[in-house]
């Protein structure tokens, strides 16, 4: 395993390890033992892009999806949720796409209302989600609905949620529209992209000793921060001539991951 890119090893695994469920390391530098596969179709959800084999997560994550999708199914026009990437069968770095999603605790949830729960495998490969952004993410567009607000709110109010990433205009819109308890807004953070889906990140499960939580969001509802993101989209600040050039990103090797990740790969 030495000298081999970790993504090639984890990307080659088709099944979870036969170990007790446990996330090891951090969201962007770790792996998952004993993962559970989200059923391709459930009473209130469908897993999308099945060919990617990324519908694996910690058991707590699978329960979270079942709980949230049942709440989504109570929204007008929604029968549940379309679930995008969670993790590979043993977590770890992915061959393509995300830097995170390595612990089985990150979930991409499509913005497309789930109006049908009988999509074929072929349809799940060809159907795309919808974008909810306007002006490069400064504002929501005509596809944004109160149902989106309520589903993201329910996702944030679950105590297992650490953060939700969504484009800045959506956070500002929710800040303006929320007339009740605003505490949950703290967990909703503006981030690049995230207009075709929102990204839920769960906290490390209580018994997961090898799991590294992200620091908690700053105090407050974060609405002023989101407004600043929007202002920077609409009126980009001039580039800093003294800013250091970004270093090329190095691919993770097995030595970069927690030692338990070797055991995860070698497990049956």
C-alpha atoms as a PDB file:
ATOM      1  CA  UNK A   1       0.000   0.000   0.000  1.00  0.00           C
ATOM      2  CA  UNK A   2       2.948   2.332   0.519  1.00  0.00           C
ATOM      3  CA  UNK A   3       3.302   4.913  -2.230  1.00  0.00           C
ATOM      4  CA  UNK A   4      -0.133   4.155  -3.695  1.00  0.00           C
ATOM      5  CA  UNK A   5      -2.701   6.938  -3.822  1.00  0.00           C
ATOM      6  CA  UNK A   6      -5.332   6.200  -1.169  1.00  0.00           C
ATOM      7  CA  UNK A   7      -8.194   7.027  -3.565  1.00  0.00           C
ATOM      8  CA  UNK A   8      -7.207   4.166  -5.872  1.00  0.00           C
ATOM      9  CA  UNK A   9      -7.344   1.663  -3.010  1.00  0.00           C
ATOM     10  CA  UNK A  10     -10.613   2.873  -1.512  1.00  0.00           C
ATOM     11  CA  UNK A  11     -12.187   3.432  -4.920  1.00  0.00           C
ATOM     12  CA  UNK A  12     -11.577  -0.217  -5.791  1.00  0.00           C
ATOM     13  CA  UNK A  13     -13.588  -1.584  -2.843  1.00  0.00           C
ATOM     14  CA  UNK A  14     -17.099  -2.709  -3.778  1.00  0.00           C
ATOM     15  CA  UNK A  15     -18.343  -3.677  -0.292  1.00  0.00           C
ATOM     16  CA  UNK A  16     -18.082  -2.447   3.265  1.00  0.00           C
ATOM     17  CA  UNK A  17     -15.636  -4.006   5.698  1.00  0.00           C
ATOM     18  CA  UNK A  18     -16.887  -6.700   8.071  1.00  0.00           C
ATOM     19  CA  UNK A  19     -16.092  -4.636  11.150  1.00  0.00           C
ATOM     20  CA  UNK A  20     -18.049  -2.764  13.770  1.00  0.00           C
ATOM     21  CA  UNK A  21     -19.241   0.600  12.428  1.00  0.00           C
ATOM     22  CA  UNK A  22     -16.648   3.310  13.060  1.00  0.00           C
ATOM     23  CA  UNK A  23     -15.461   6.471  11.307  1.00  0.00           C
ATOM     24  CA  UNK A  24     -11.712   7.111  11.594  1.00  0.00           C
ATOM     25  CA  UNK A  25     -10.061  10.479  11.074  1.00  0.00           C
ATOM     26  CA  UNK A  26     -11.550  13.670   9.656  1.00  0.00           C
ATOM     27  CA  UNK A  27     -14.133  14.391   7.002  1.00  0.00           C
ATOM     28  CA  UNK A  28     -11.446  15.038   4.361  1.00  0.00           C
ATOM     29  CA  UNK A  29      -8.804  12.626   5.648  1.00  0.00           C
ATOM     30  CA  UNK A  30     -10.248   9.378   6.958  1.00  0.00           C
ATOM     31  CA  UNK A  31     -12.182   6.189   6.271  1.00  0.00           C
ATOM     32  CA  UNK A  32     -15.172   4.159   7.481  1.00  0.00           C
ATOM     33  CA  UNK A  33     -15.342   0.699   8.968  1.00  0.00           C
ATOM     34  CA  UNK A  34     -18.522  -1.369   8.929  1.00  0.00           C
ATOM     35  CA  UNK A  35     -20.511   0.902   6.669  1.00  0.00           C
ATOM     36  CA  UNK A  36     -24.200   0.365   5.894  1.00  0.00           C
ATOM     37  CA  UNK A  37     -25.606   0.624   2.381  1.00  0.00           C
ATOM     38  CA  UNK A  38     -28.605   2.900   1.946  1.00  0.00           C
ATOM     39  CA  UNK A  39     -31.356   0.910   0.261  1.00  0.00           C
ATOM     40  CA  UNK A  40     -31.675   2.018  -3.353  1.00  0.00           C
ATOM     41  CA  UNK A  41     -35.359   2.788  -2.768  1.00  0.00           C
ATOM     42  CA  UNK A  42     -37.256   3.298   0.464  1.00  0.00           C
ATOM     43  CA  UNK A  43     -40.677   4.542   1.524  1.00  0.00           C
ATOM     44  CA  UNK A  44     -39.565   8.194   1.238  1.00  0.00           C
ATOM     45  CA  UNK A  45     -36.257   8.246  -0.666  1.00  0.00           C
ATOM     46  CA  UNK A  46     -34.341   7.050  -3.698  1.00  0.00           C
ATOM     47  CA  UNK A  47     -30.564   6.833  -4.021  1.00  0.00           C
ATOM     48  CA  UNK A  48     -29.330   8.447  -7.231  1.00  0.00           C
ATOM     49  CA  UNK A  49     -26.355   7.678  -9.515  1.00  0.00           C
ATOM     50  CA  UNK A  50     -26.217   4.061  -8.384  1.00  0.00           C
ATOM     51  CA  UNK A  51     -23.303   3.338 -10.715  1.00  0.00           C
ATOM     52  CA  UNK A  52     -21.047   5.385  -8.434  1.00  0.00           C
ATOM     53  CA  UNK A  53     -21.615   2.986  -5.497  1.00  0.00           C
ATOM     54  CA  UNK A  54     -21.515   5.891  -3.076  1.00  0.00           C
ATOM     55  CA  UNK A  55     -24.702   5.131  -1.157  1.00  0.00           C
ATOM     56  CA  UNK A  56     -22.811   3.867   1.913  1.00  0.00           C
ATOM     57  CA  UNK A  57     -22.682   5.521   5.313  1.00  0.00           C
ATOM     58  CA  UNK A  58     -22.401   5.115   9.044  1.00  0.00           C
ATOM     59  CA  UNK A  59     -25.608   3.532  10.459  1.00  0.00           C
ATOM     60  CA  UNK A  60     -26.407   6.882  12.113  1.00  0.00           C
ATOM     61  CA  UNK A  61     -26.306   8.500   8.674  1.00  0.00           C
ATOM     62  CA  UNK A  62     -28.688   5.957   7.194  1.00  0.00           C
ATOM     63  CA  UNK A  63     -31.127   6.546  10.072  1.00  0.00           C
ATOM     64  CA  UNK A  64     -30.792  10.306   9.559  1.00  0.00           C
ATOM     65  CA  UNK A  65     -31.725   9.978   5.874  1.00  0.00           C
ATOM     66  CA  UNK A  66     -34.750   7.860   6.722  1.00  0.00           C
ATOM     67  CA  UNK A  67     -35.890  10.378   9.344  1.00  0.00           C
ATOM     68  CA  UNK A  68     -35.359  13.489   7.231  1.00  0.00           C
ATOM     69  CA  UNK A  69     -36.903  12.009   4.087  1.00  0.00           C
ATOM     70  CA  UNK A  70     -40.056  11.132   6.054  1.00  0.00           C
ATOM     71  CA  UNK A  71     -40.318  14.791   7.086  1.00  0.00           C
ATOM     72  CA  UNK A  72     -39.718  15.893   3.496  1.00  0.00           C
ATOM     73  CA  UNK A  73     -42.534  13.625   2.337  1.00  0.00           C
ATOM     74  CA  UNK A  74     -44.942  15.744   4.384  1.00  0.00           C
ATOM     75  CA  UNK A  75     -44.135  18.834   2.299  1.00  0.00           C
ATOM     76  CA  UNK A  76     -46.590  19.666  -0.508  1.00  0.00           C
ATOM     77  CA  UNK A  77     -45.373  18.277  -3.816  1.00  0.00           C
ATOM     78  CA  UNK A  78     -42.629  16.131  -2.289  1.00  0.00           C
ATOM     79  CA  UNK A  79     -42.795  12.363  -1.773  1.00  0.00           C
ATOM     80  CA  UNK A  80     -39.412  12.318  -0.065  1.00  0.00           C
ATOM     81  CA  UNK A  81     -35.809  12.951  -1.057  1.00  0.00           C
ATOM     82  CA  UNK A  82     -33.396  12.102  -3.832  1.00  0.00           C
ATOM     83  CA  UNK A  83     -30.097  11.216  -2.190  1.00  0.00           C
ATOM     84  CA  UNK A  84     -26.800  11.893  -3.950  1.00  0.00           C
ATOM     85  CA  UNK A  85     -23.340  10.892  -2.745  1.00  0.00           C
ATOM     86  CA  UNK A  86     -22.775   9.704   0.812  1.00  0.00           C
ATOM     87  CA  UNK A  87     -19.533   7.690   0.846  1.00  0.00           C
ATOM     88  CA  UNK A  88     -17.763   4.799  -0.840  1.00  0.00           C
ATOM     89  CA  UNK A  89     -18.234   1.364   0.787  1.00  0.00           C
ATOM     90  CA  UNK A  90     -15.204   1.903   3.047  1.00  0.00           C
ATOM     91  CA  UNK A  91     -15.188   5.686   2.904  1.00  0.00           C
ATOM     92  CA  UNK A  92     -11.806   7.195   2.213  1.00  0.00           C
ATOM     93  CA  UNK A  93     -10.720   9.517  -0.597  1.00  0.00           C
ATOM     94  CA  UNK A  94     -12.821   9.271  -3.755  1.00  0.00           C
ATOM     95  CA  UNK A  95     -11.540   8.635  -7.248  1.00  0.00           C
ATOM     96  CA  UNK A  96     -13.414  11.708  -8.502  1.00  0.00           C
ATOM     97  CA  UNK A  97     -15.170  14.669  -6.994  1.00  0.00           C
ATOM     98  CA  UNK A  98     -15.320  15.373  -3.291  1.00  0.00           C
ATOM     99  CA  UNK A  99     -12.500  16.012  -0.876  1.00  0.00           C
ATOM    100  CA  UNK A 100     -14.815  15.231   2.057  1.00  0.00           C
ATOM    101  CA  UNK A 101     -17.402  12.423   2.265  1.00  0.00           C
ATOM    102  CA  UNK A 102     -14.685  10.128   3.664  1.00  0.00           C
ATOM    103  CA  UNK A 103     -16.283   9.084   6.977  1.00  0.00           C
ATOM    104  CA  UNK A 104     -19.804   8.103   5.914  1.00  0.00           C
ATOM    105  CA  UNK A 105     -21.121  11.210   7.695  1.00  0.00           C
ATOM    106  CA  UNK A 106     -21.625  13.562   4.708  1.00  0.00           C
ATOM    107  CA  UNK A 107     -24.774  13.482   2.571  1.00  0.00           C
ATOM    108  CA  UNK A 108     -25.625  15.312  -0.656  1.00  0.00           C
ATOM    109  CA  UNK A 109     -29.381  15.874  -0.947  1.00  0.00           C
ATOM    110  CA  UNK A 110     -30.795  16.951  -4.285  1.00  0.00           C
ATOM    111  CA  UNK A 111     -32.725  20.201  -4.648  1.00  0.00           C
ATOM    112  CA  UNK A 112     -34.994  18.501  -7.207  1.00  0.00           C
ATOM    113  CA  UNK A 113     -38.367  17.764  -5.555  1.00  0.00           C
ATOM    114  CA  UNK A 114     -38.854  13.995  -5.326  1.00  0.00           C
ATOM    115  CA  UNK A 115     -42.172  13.707  -7.115  1.00  0.00           C
ATOM    116  CA  UNK A 116     -41.630  10.047  -8.090  1.00  0.00           C
ATOM    117  CA  UNK A 117     -40.126   7.209  -6.075  1.00  0.00           C
ATOM    118  CA  UNK A 118     -40.267   4.651  -8.875  1.00  0.00           C
ATOM    119  CA  UNK A 119     -37.300   5.875 -10.930  1.00  0.00           C
ATOM    120  CA  UNK A 120     -35.467   3.096 -12.760  1.00  0.00           C
ATOM    121  CA  UNK A 121     -31.708   2.655 -12.421  1.00  0.00           C
ATOM    122  CA  UNK A 122     -31.319   4.175 -15.904  1.00  0.00           C
ATOM    123  CA  UNK A 123     -33.425   7.203 -14.974  1.00  0.00           C
ATOM    124  CA  UNK A 124     -31.321   7.755 -11.865  1.00  0.00           C
ATOM    125  CA  UNK A 125     -28.257   8.047 -14.113  1.00  0.00           C
ATOM    126  CA  UNK A 126     -29.842  10.421 -16.630  1.00  0.00           C
ATOM    127  CA  UNK A 127     -32.081  12.699 -14.560  1.00  0.00           C
ATOM    128  CA  UNK A 128     -30.366  15.801 -13.186  1.00  0.00           C
ATOM    129  CA  UNK A 129     -31.157  17.959 -10.216  1.00  0.00           C
ATOM    130  CA  UNK A 130     -32.139  21.607 -10.621  1.00  0.00           C
ATOM    131  CA  UNK A 131     -30.161  24.704  -9.748  1.00  0.00           C
ATOM    132  CA  UNK A 132     -31.750  27.141  -7.319  1.00  0.00           C
ATOM    133  CA  UNK A 133     -29.264  29.972  -7.761  1.00  0.00           C
ATOM    134  CA  UNK A 134     -29.323  33.285  -9.611  1.00  0.00           C
ATOM    135  CA  UNK A 135     -26.496  35.791 -10.156  1.00  0.00           C
ATOM    136  CA  UNK A 136     -23.770  33.201  -9.458  1.00  0.00           C
ATOM    137  CA  UNK A 137     -25.328  32.291  -6.131  1.00  0.00           C
ATOM    138  CA  UNK A 138     -26.087  35.754  -4.787  1.00  0.00           C
ATOM    139  CA  UNK A 139     -29.830  35.091  -4.961  1.00  0.00           C
ATOM    140  CA  UNK A 140     -32.302  32.244  -5.235  1.00  0.00           C
ATOM    141  CA  UNK A 141     -34.174  31.758  -8.512  1.00  0.00           C
ATOM    142  CA  UNK A 142     -37.776  30.865  -9.356  1.00  0.00           C
ATOM    143  CA  UNK A 143     -37.237  27.194  -8.433  1.00  0.00           C
ATOM    144  CA  UNK A 144     -36.692  28.010  -4.747  1.00  0.00           C
ATOM    145  CA  UNK A 145     -39.786  27.222  -2.671  1.00  0.00           C
ATOM    146  CA  UNK A 146     -40.918  27.342   0.918  1.00  0.00           C
ATOM    147  CA  UNK A 147     -40.606  23.545   0.863  1.00  0.00           C
ATOM    148  CA  UNK A 148     -36.854  23.868   0.315  1.00  0.00           C
ATOM    149  CA  UNK A 149     -36.712  26.189   3.321  1.00  0.00           C
ATOM    150  CA  UNK A 150     -38.632  23.759   5.531  1.00  0.00           C
ATOM    151  CA  UNK A 151     -36.617  20.697   4.474  1.00  0.00           C
ATOM    152  CA  UNK A 152     -33.251  22.397   5.037  1.00  0.00           C
ATOM    153  CA  UNK A 153     -34.574  23.749   8.346  1.00  0.00           C
ATOM    154  CA  UNK A 154     -35.604  20.246   9.448  1.00  0.00           C
ATOM    155  CA  UNK A 155     -32.179  18.954   8.426  1.00  0.00           C
ATOM    156  CA  UNK A 156     -30.437  21.617  10.517  1.00  0.00           C
ATOM    157  CA  UNK A 157     -32.676  21.114  13.559  1.00  0.00           C
ATOM    158  CA  UNK A 158     -31.702  17.448  13.893  1.00  0.00           C
ATOM    159  CA  UNK A 159     -29.221  17.426  16.809  1.00  0.00           C
ATOM    160  CA  UNK A 160     -26.921  15.097  14.859  1.00  0.00           C
ATOM    161  CA  UNK A 161     -26.257  17.786  12.251  1.00  0.00           C
ATOM    162  CA  UNK A 162     -22.949  19.621  12.538  1.00  0.00           C
ATOM    163  CA  UNK A 163     -23.246  21.773   9.410  1.00  0.00           C
ATOM    164  CA  UNK A 164     -25.187  22.246   6.211  1.00  0.00           C
ATOM    165  CA  UNK A 165     -23.479  23.757   3.171  1.00  0.00           C
ATOM    166  CA  UNK A 166     -25.580  25.684   0.667  1.00  0.00           C
ATOM    167  CA  UNK A 167     -24.992  28.557  -1.761  1.00  0.00           C
ATOM    168  CA  UNK A 168     -24.900  32.014  -0.129  1.00  0.00           C
ATOM    169  CA  UNK A 169     -28.148  33.325  -1.639  1.00  0.00           C
ATOM    170  CA  UNK A 170     -30.119  30.463  -0.094  1.00  0.00           C
ATOM    171  CA  UNK A 171     -28.774  31.218   3.377  1.00  0.00           C
ATOM    172  CA  UNK A 172     -29.626  34.913   3.009  1.00  0.00           C
ATOM    173  CA  UNK A 173     -33.114  34.027   1.764  1.00  0.00           C
ATOM    174  CA  UNK A 174     -33.702  31.744   4.755  1.00  0.00           C
ATOM    175  CA  UNK A 175     -32.431  34.434   7.119  1.00  0.00           C
ATOM    176  CA  UNK A 176     -34.918  36.931   5.688  1.00  0.00           C
ATOM    177  CA  UNK A 177     -37.859  34.528   5.639  1.00  0.00           C
ATOM    178  CA  UNK A 178     -37.448  32.915   9.059  1.00  0.00           C
ATOM    179  CA  UNK A 179     -39.885  34.491  11.537  1.00  0.00           C
ATOM    180  CA  UNK A 180     -39.618  31.880  14.311  1.00  0.00           C
ATOM    181  CA  UNK A 181     -36.742  30.235  16.157  1.00  0.00           C
ATOM    182  CA  UNK A 182     -33.515  31.189  14.376  1.00  0.00           C
ATOM    183  CA  UNK A 183     -31.075  29.014  16.319  1.00  0.00           C
ATOM    184  CA  UNK A 184     -30.836  26.402  13.564  1.00  0.00           C
ATOM    185  CA  UNK A 185     -29.541  29.013  11.086  1.00  0.00           C
ATOM    186  CA  UNK A 186     -26.139  28.833  12.769  1.00  0.00           C
ATOM    187  CA  UNK A 187     -25.589  25.388  11.261  1.00  0.00           C
ATOM    188  CA  UNK A 188     -26.364  26.519   7.699  1.00  0.00           C
ATOM    189  CA  UNK A 189     -23.142  27.805   6.164  1.00  0.00           C
ATOM    190  CA  UNK A 190     -22.604  29.474   2.781  1.00  0.00           C
ATOM    191  CA  UNK A 191     -20.179  27.665   0.492  1.00  0.00           C
ATOM    192  CA  UNK A 192     -19.148  27.529  -3.135  1.00  0.00           C
ATOM    193  CA  UNK A 193     -21.399  25.533  -5.460  1.00  0.00           C
ATOM    194  CA  UNK A 194     -24.124  23.693  -3.553  1.00  0.00           C
ATOM    195  CA  UNK A 195     -26.996  25.005  -5.654  1.00  0.00           C
ATOM    196  CA  UNK A 196     -28.010  21.656  -7.203  1.00  0.00           C
ATOM    197  CA  UNK A 197     -27.866  19.975  -3.793  1.00  0.00           C
ATOM    198  CA  UNK A 198     -27.325  20.845  -0.170  1.00  0.00           C
ATOM    199  CA  UNK A 199     -24.662  19.042   1.824  1.00  0.00           C
ATOM    200  CA  UNK A 200     -25.407  17.755   5.316  1.00  0.00           C
ATOM    201  CA  UNK A 201     -22.457  16.964   7.592  1.00  0.00           C
ATOM    202  CA  UNK A 202     -23.204  14.984  10.725  1.00  0.00           C
ATOM    203  CA  UNK A 203     -21.191  15.207  13.930  1.00  0.00           C
ATOM    204  CA  UNK A 204     -19.079  12.268  14.987  1.00  0.00           C
ATOM    205  CA  UNK A 205     -21.256   9.649  16.728  1.00  0.00           C
ATOM    206  CA  UNK A 206     -20.851   9.725  20.516  1.00  0.00           C
ATOM    207  CA  UNK A 207     -19.023   6.393  20.724  1.00  0.00           C
ATOM    208  CA  UNK A 208     -16.672   7.104  17.783  1.00  0.00           C
ATOM    209  CA  UNK A 209     -13.358   7.636  19.554  1.00  0.00           C
ATOM    210  CA  UNK A 210     -11.277   7.725  16.365  1.00  0.00           C
ATOM    211  CA  UNK A 211     -13.474  10.328  14.664  1.00  0.00           C
ATOM    212  CA  UNK A 212     -12.363  13.985  14.476  1.00  0.00           C
ATOM    213  CA  UNK A 213     -15.146  16.594  14.572  1.00  0.00           C
ATOM    214  CA  UNK A 214     -14.901  19.879  12.721  1.00  0.00           C
ATOM    215  CA  UNK A 215     -14.832  22.908  15.053  1.00  0.00           C
ATOM    216  CA  UNK A 216     -18.318  24.213  15.793  1.00  0.00           C
ATOM    217  CA  UNK A 217     -19.609  27.120  13.656  1.00  0.00           C
ATOM    218  CA  UNK A 218     -19.072  30.610  15.113  1.00  0.00           C
ATOM    219  CA  UNK A 219     -21.732  31.827  17.566  1.00  0.00           C
ATOM    220  CA  UNK A 220     -24.798  33.568  16.175  1.00  0.00           C
ATOM    221  CA  UNK A 221     -27.045  32.897  13.209  1.00  0.00           C
ATOM    222  CA  UNK A 222     -24.352  33.559  10.594  1.00  0.00           C
ATOM    223  CA  UNK A 223     -26.644  35.778   8.528  1.00  0.00           C
ATOM    224  CA  UNK A 224     -24.227  38.728   8.379  1.00  0.00           C
ATOM    225  CA  UNK A 225     -21.509  36.383   7.145  1.00  0.00           C
ATOM    226  CA  UNK A 226     -23.786  35.142   4.363  1.00  0.00           C
ATOM    227  CA  UNK A 227     -24.599  38.745   3.384  1.00  0.00           C
ATOM    228  CA  UNK A 228     -20.860  39.378   3.078  1.00  0.00           C
ATOM    229  CA  UNK A 229     -20.531  36.377   0.747  1.00  0.00           C
ATOM    230  CA  UNK A 230     -23.313  37.823  -1.400  1.00  0.00           C
ATOM    231  CA  UNK A 231     -21.697  41.283  -1.487  1.00  0.00           C
ATOM    232  CA  UNK A 232     -18.420  39.708  -2.599  1.00  0.00           C
ATOM    233  CA  UNK A 233     -20.247  37.902  -5.426  1.00  0.00           C
ATOM    234  CA  UNK A 234     -21.980  41.069  -6.604  1.00  0.00           C
ATOM    235  CA  UNK A 235     -18.989  43.372  -6.031  1.00  0.00           C
ATOM    236  CA  UNK A 236     -15.839  41.232  -6.144  1.00  0.00           C
ATOM    237  CA  UNK A 237     -12.963  42.749  -4.163  1.00  0.00           C
ATOM    238  CA  UNK A 238      -9.810  43.463  -6.186  1.00  0.00           C
ATOM    239  CA  UNK A 239      -7.297  40.623  -6.138  1.00  0.00           C
ATOM    240  CA  UNK A 240      -4.522  40.873  -3.564  1.00  0.00           C
ATOM    241  CA  UNK A 241      -1.264  41.238  -5.532  1.00  0.00           C
ATOM    242  CA  UNK A 242       0.675  39.918  -2.529  1.00  0.00           C
ATOM    243  CA  UNK A 243      -1.443  36.805  -2.032  1.00  0.00           C
ATOM    244  CA  UNK A 244       0.686  33.657  -2.250  1.00  0.00           C
ATOM    245  CA  UNK A 245      -0.013  31.377  -5.192  1.00  0.00           C
ATOM    246  CA  UNK A 246      -2.001  28.305  -4.169  1.00  0.00           C
ATOM    247  CA  UNK A 247       0.140  25.219  -3.879  1.00  0.00           C
ATOM    248  CA  UNK A 248      -0.816  22.262  -6.055  1.00  0.00           C
ATOM    249  CA  UNK A 249      -2.904  19.809  -4.057  1.00  0.00           C
ATOM    250  CA  UNK A 250      -1.090  16.605  -3.208  1.00  0.00           C
ATOM    251  CA  UNK A 251      -3.020  13.358  -3.508  1.00  0.00           C
ATOM    252  CA  UNK A 252      -3.498  11.606  -0.171  1.00  0.00           C
ATOM    253  CA  UNK A 253      -1.334   8.542   0.453  1.00  0.00           C
ATOM    254  CA  UNK A 254      -2.198   5.823   2.959  1.00  0.00           C
ATOM    255  CA  UNK A 255       0.395   7.260   5.333  1.00  0.00           C
ATOM    256  CA  UNK A 256      -1.700  10.455   5.500  1.00  0.00           C
ATOM    257  CA  UNK A 257      -4.739   8.584   6.845  1.00  0.00           C
ATOM    258  CA  UNK A 258      -5.295   7.170  10.355  1.00  0.00           C
ATOM    259  CA  UNK A 259      -3.577   3.841  10.933  1.00  0.00           C
ATOM    260  CA  UNK A 260      -6.939   2.062  11.330  1.00  0.00           C
ATOM    261  CA  UNK A 261      -7.633   2.701   7.630  1.00  0.00           C
ATOM    262  CA  UNK A 262      -5.130  -0.007   6.652  1.00  0.00           C
ATOM    263  CA  UNK A 263      -7.171  -2.460   8.720  1.00  0.00           C
ATOM    264  CA  UNK A 264     -10.372  -1.229   7.057  1.00  0.00           C
ATOM    265  CA  UNK A 265      -8.929  -1.995   3.628  1.00  0.00           C
ATOM    266  CA  UNK A 266      -7.549  -5.375   4.671  1.00  0.00           C
ATOM    267  CA  UNK A 267     -10.744  -6.511   6.398  1.00  0.00           C
ATOM    268  CA  UNK A 268     -13.025  -8.970   4.577  1.00  0.00           C
END
